[in-house]
Amino acid sequence: MELEEYIEQYGDYLYRIAFIYMKDQQTAEEVVQDVFMKLYETQQFEQKSSMKTYLTRITINMCYDYLRKWKARKNQLLDYVLK
């Protein structure tokens, strides 16, 4: 299957998952775009599970990464403001 077919088949589904975690439309779109970029760049799918399961896991992990980065930035900003 080509990348375009994966985007067509799973894009909306992955967006809904990302939106649940991120609570922001633009950020959820960024996460999904990053998921498909990672799929295109790495091509590490080993077919141990379905493609849907694989992409879902990548999406959730990327959401966690985004949230971790935001928390770190928020803490840095608070430290700067409180000094």
N, C-alpha and C. Protein backbone atom coordinates (compact mmCIF):
# COMPACT_ATOMS: atom_id res chain seq x y z
N MET A 1 0.83 -1.18 0.00
CA MET A 1 0.00 0.00 0.00
C MET A 1 0.88 1.25 0.00
N GLU A 2 0.47 2.26 -0.69
CA GLU A 2 1.19 3.51 -0.75
C GLU A 2 0.82 4.42 0.42
N LEU A 3 1.67 5.37 0.70
CA LEU A 3 1.44 6.30 1.80
C LEU A 3 0.11 7.03 1.65
N GLU A 4 -0.21 7.44 0.44
CA GLU A 4 -1.47 8.16 0.19
C GLU A 4 -2.67 7.31 0.57
N GLU A 5 -2.60 6.02 0.33
CA GLU A 5 -3.69 5.11 0.69
C GLU A 5 -3.83 5.00 2.21
N TYR A 6 -2.70 4.97 2.91
CA TYR A 6 -2.74 4.93 4.38
C TYR A 6 -3.35 6.21 4.93
N ILE A 7 -2.97 7.33 4.34
CA ILE A 7 -3.52 8.61 4.79
C ILE A 7 -5.02 8.63 4.59
N GLU A 8 -5.46 8.19 3.42
CA GLU A 8 -6.90 8.17 3.11
C GLU A 8 -7.66 7.23 4.05
N GLN A 9 -7.07 6.07 4.31
CA GLN A 9 -7.75 5.05 5.11
C GLN A 9 -7.73 5.35 6.60
N TYR A 10 -6.62 5.86 7.13
CA TYR A 10 -6.46 5.99 8.59
C TYR A 10 -6.36 7.42 9.10
N GLY A 11 -6.29 8.41 8.21
CA GLY A 11 -6.07 9.79 8.62
C GLY A 11 -7.09 10.32 9.61
N ASP A 12 -8.37 10.17 9.30
CA ASP A 12 -9.42 10.68 10.20
C ASP A 12 -9.41 9.96 11.54
N TYR A 13 -9.22 8.66 11.50
CA TYR A 13 -9.19 7.86 12.72
C TYR A 13 -8.04 8.33 13.64
N LEU A 14 -6.86 8.51 13.06
CA LEU A 14 -5.70 8.94 13.85
C LEU A 14 -5.88 10.37 14.35
N TYR A 15 -6.52 11.20 13.56
CA TYR A 15 -6.79 12.58 13.99
C TYR A 15 -7.69 12.57 15.23
N ARG A 16 -8.72 11.74 15.23
CA ARG A 16 -9.62 11.68 16.40
C ARG A 16 -8.88 11.22 17.65
N ILE A 17 -7.98 10.26 17.49
CA ILE A 17 -7.19 9.81 18.63
C ILE A 17 -6.29 10.94 19.13
N ALA A 18 -5.61 11.60 18.21
CA ALA A 18 -4.70 12.69 18.59
C ALA A 18 -5.48 13.82 19.26
N PHE A 19 -6.67 14.12 18.77
CA PHE A 19 -7.47 15.20 19.34
C PHE A 19 -7.90 14.87 20.77
N ILE A 20 -8.19 13.62 21.04
CA ILE A 20 -8.55 13.21 22.41
C ILE A 20 -7.41 13.52 23.37
N TYR A 21 -6.19 13.25 22.95
CA TYR A 21 -5.03 13.50 23.81
C TYR A 21 -4.65 14.97 23.86
N MET A 22 -4.64 15.63 22.71
CA MET A 22 -4.10 16.97 22.62
C MET A 22 -5.11 18.07 22.94
N LYS A 23 -6.39 17.81 22.74
CA LYS A 23 -7.46 18.78 23.01
C LYS A 23 -7.28 20.07 22.19
N ASP A 24 -6.64 19.96 21.03
CA ASP A 24 -6.40 21.12 20.18
C ASP A 24 -6.34 20.64 18.74
N GLN A 25 -7.14 21.27 17.89
CA GLN A 25 -7.25 20.84 16.51
C GLN A 25 -5.93 20.93 15.75
N GLN A 26 -5.27 22.06 15.85
CA GLN A 26 -4.03 22.26 15.10
C GLN A 26 -2.94 21.30 15.56
N THR A 27 -2.82 21.12 16.85
CA THR A 27 -1.78 20.21 17.37
C THR A 27 -2.09 18.77 16.98
N ALA A 28 -3.36 18.39 17.01
CA ALA A 28 -3.74 17.03 16.60
C ALA A 28 -3.38 16.81 15.13
N GLU A 29 -3.60 17.82 14.30
CA GLU A 29 -3.23 17.70 12.89
C GLU A 29 -1.72 17.56 12.73
N GLU A 30 -0.96 18.31 13.51
CA GLU A 30 0.50 18.20 13.47
C GLU A 30 0.97 16.81 13.86
N VAL A 31 0.35 16.26 14.91
CA VAL A 31 0.72 14.92 15.37
C VAL A 31 0.48 13.91 14.25
N VAL A 32 -0.68 13.97 13.62
CA VAL A 32 -1.00 13.00 12.56
C VAL A 32 -0.04 13.17 11.38
N GLN A 33 0.26 14.40 11.05
CA GLN A 33 1.22 14.64 9.97
C GLN A 33 2.58 14.04 10.33
N ASP A 34 3.01 14.21 11.57
CA ASP A 34 4.28 13.64 12.02
C ASP A 34 4.26 12.11 12.00
N VAL A 35 3.11 11.53 12.31
CA VAL A 35 2.97 10.07 12.28
C VAL A 35 3.21 9.56 10.86
N PHE A 36 2.58 10.19 9.89
CA PHE A 36 2.75 9.74 8.52
C PHE A 36 4.15 10.04 7.98
N MET A 37 4.75 11.12 8.44
CA MET A 37 6.14 11.39 8.05
C MET A 37 7.07 10.31 8.62
N LYS A 38 6.82 9.92 9.85
CA LYS A 38 7.64 8.87 10.46
C LYS A 38 7.46 7.55 9.71
N LEU A 39 6.23 7.24 9.35
CA LEU A 39 5.97 6.03 8.59
C LEU A 39 6.71 6.06 7.26
N TYR A 40 6.68 7.18 6.59
CA TYR A 40 7.35 7.33 5.30
C TYR A 40 8.87 7.24 5.44
N GLU A 41 9.42 7.88 6.45
CA GLU A 41 10.88 7.94 6.62
C GLU A 41 11.47 6.63 7.12
N THR A 42 10.83 6.01 8.09
CA THR A 42 11.43 4.83 8.71
C THR A 42 11.05 3.53 8.03
N GLN A 43 9.81 3.37 7.68
CA GLN A 43 9.31 2.14 7.05
C GLN A 43 9.74 0.91 7.85
N GLN A 44 9.48 0.94 9.16
CA GLN A 44 9.89 -0.15 10.04
C GLN A 44 8.75 -1.10 10.40
N PHE A 45 7.64 -1.01 9.72
CA PHE A 45 6.50 -1.86 10.04
C PHE A 45 6.86 -3.32 9.76
N GLU A 46 6.80 -4.15 10.79
CA GLU A 46 7.22 -5.55 10.69
C GLU A 46 6.05 -6.51 10.52
N GLN A 47 4.85 -6.01 10.40
CA GLN A 47 3.64 -6.80 10.19
C GLN A 47 3.38 -7.80 11.31
N LYS A 48 3.77 -7.44 12.53
CA LYS A 48 3.44 -8.28 13.69
C LYS A 48 2.03 -7.98 14.17
N SER A 49 1.50 -6.85 13.74
CA SER A 49 0.14 -6.45 14.05
C SER A 49 -0.43 -5.81 12.80
N SER A 50 -1.66 -5.32 12.90
CA SER A 50 -2.24 -4.64 11.74
C SER A 50 -1.64 -3.24 11.61
N MET A 51 -1.73 -2.67 10.44
CA MET A 51 -1.23 -1.32 10.20
C MET A 51 -1.98 -0.33 11.08
N LYS A 52 -3.26 -0.54 11.27
CA LYS A 52 -4.06 0.35 12.10
C LYS A 52 -3.55 0.36 13.53
N THR A 53 -3.25 -0.78 14.08
CA THR A 53 -2.70 -0.89 15.42
C THR A 53 -1.34 -0.20 15.52
N TYR A 54 -0.51 -0.42 14.53
CA TYR A 54 0.83 0.18 14.48
C TYR A 54 0.74 1.70 14.45
N LEU A 55 -0.10 2.24 13.56
CA LEU A 55 -0.24 3.69 13.45
C LEU A 55 -0.88 4.30 14.69
N THR A 56 -1.81 3.58 15.31
CA THR A 56 -2.43 4.05 16.55
C THR A 56 -1.38 4.19 17.65
N ARG A 57 -0.51 3.20 17.78
CA ARG A 57 0.53 3.24 18.80
C ARG A 57 1.49 4.39 18.55
N ILE A 58 1.88 4.61 17.30
CA ILE A 58 2.77 5.73 16.98
C ILE A 58 2.08 7.05 17.34
N THR A 59 0.80 7.16 17.03
CA THR A 59 0.06 8.39 17.32
C THR A 59 0.02 8.67 18.82
N ILE A 60 -0.29 7.67 19.60
CA ILE A 60 -0.37 7.85 21.05
C ILE A 60 1.01 8.21 21.61
N ASN A 61 2.05 7.54 21.14
CA ASN A 61 3.40 7.86 21.62
C ASN A 61 3.80 9.28 21.25
N MET A 62 3.45 9.72 20.05
CA MET A 62 3.78 11.09 19.66
C MET A 62 3.00 12.11 20.49
N CYS A 63 1.78 11.80 20.82
CA CYS A 63 1.00 12.68 21.70
C CYS A 63 1.70 12.81 23.05
N TYR A 64 2.14 11.70 23.60
CA TYR A 64 2.87 11.74 24.87
C TYR A 64 4.14 12.59 24.74
N ASP A 65 4.85 12.44 23.62
CA ASP A 65 6.07 13.23 23.40
C ASP A 65 5.75 14.72 23.36
N TYR A 66 4.71 15.11 22.63
CA TYR A 66 4.30 16.51 22.56
C TYR A 66 3.96 17.03 23.96
N LEU A 67 3.19 16.24 24.71
CA LEU A 67 2.77 16.69 26.04
C LEU A 67 3.96 16.82 26.98
N ARG A 68 4.93 15.91 26.88
CA ARG A 68 6.14 15.99 27.70
C ARG A 68 6.92 17.26 27.38
N LYS A 69 7.04 17.57 26.11
CA LYS A 69 7.77 18.77 25.70
C LYS A 69 7.07 20.03 26.21
N TRP A 70 5.74 20.04 26.12
CA TRP A 70 4.99 21.20 26.61
C TRP A 70 5.16 21.37 28.11
N LYS A 71 5.15 20.26 28.83
CA LYS A 71 5.32 20.35 30.28
C LYS A 71 6.69 20.91 30.62
N ALA A 72 7.71 20.47 29.90
CA ALA A 72 9.07 20.97 30.16
C ALA A 72 9.15 22.46 29.84
N ARG A 73 8.54 22.89 28.74
CA ARG A 73 8.55 24.31 28.38
C ARG A 73 7.80 25.14 29.41
N LYS A 74 6.68 24.62 29.87
CA LYS A 74 5.89 25.33 30.87
C LYS A 74 6.69 25.50 32.15
N ASN A 75 7.39 24.46 32.56
CA ASN A 75 8.20 24.53 33.77
C ASN A 75 9.35 25.53 33.61
N GLN A 76 9.98 25.56 32.42
CA GLN A 76 11.04 26.52 32.17
C GLN A 76 10.50 27.95 32.22
N LEU A 77 9.34 28.15 31.65
CA LEU A 77 8.74 29.48 31.65
C LEU A 77 8.38 29.91 33.07
N LEU A 78 7.84 29.00 33.85
CA LEU A 78 7.51 29.33 35.24
C LEU A 78 8.76 29.67 36.04
N ASP A 79 9.81 28.90 35.83
CA ASP A 79 11.07 29.18 36.52
C ASP A 79 11.59 30.56 36.14
N TYR A 80 11.49 30.91 34.87
CA TYR A 80 11.95 32.22 34.40
C TYR A 80 11.12 33.35 34.97
N VAL A 81 9.82 33.16 34.99
CA VAL A 81 8.90 34.21 35.49
C VAL A 81 9.04 34.39 37.00
N LEU A 82 9.23 33.31 37.73
CA LEU A 82 9.27 33.38 39.17
C LEU A 82 10.61 33.86 39.72
N LYS A 83 11.62 33.97 38.88
CA LYS A 83 12.94 34.42 39.35
C LYS A 83 13.01 35.91 39.42
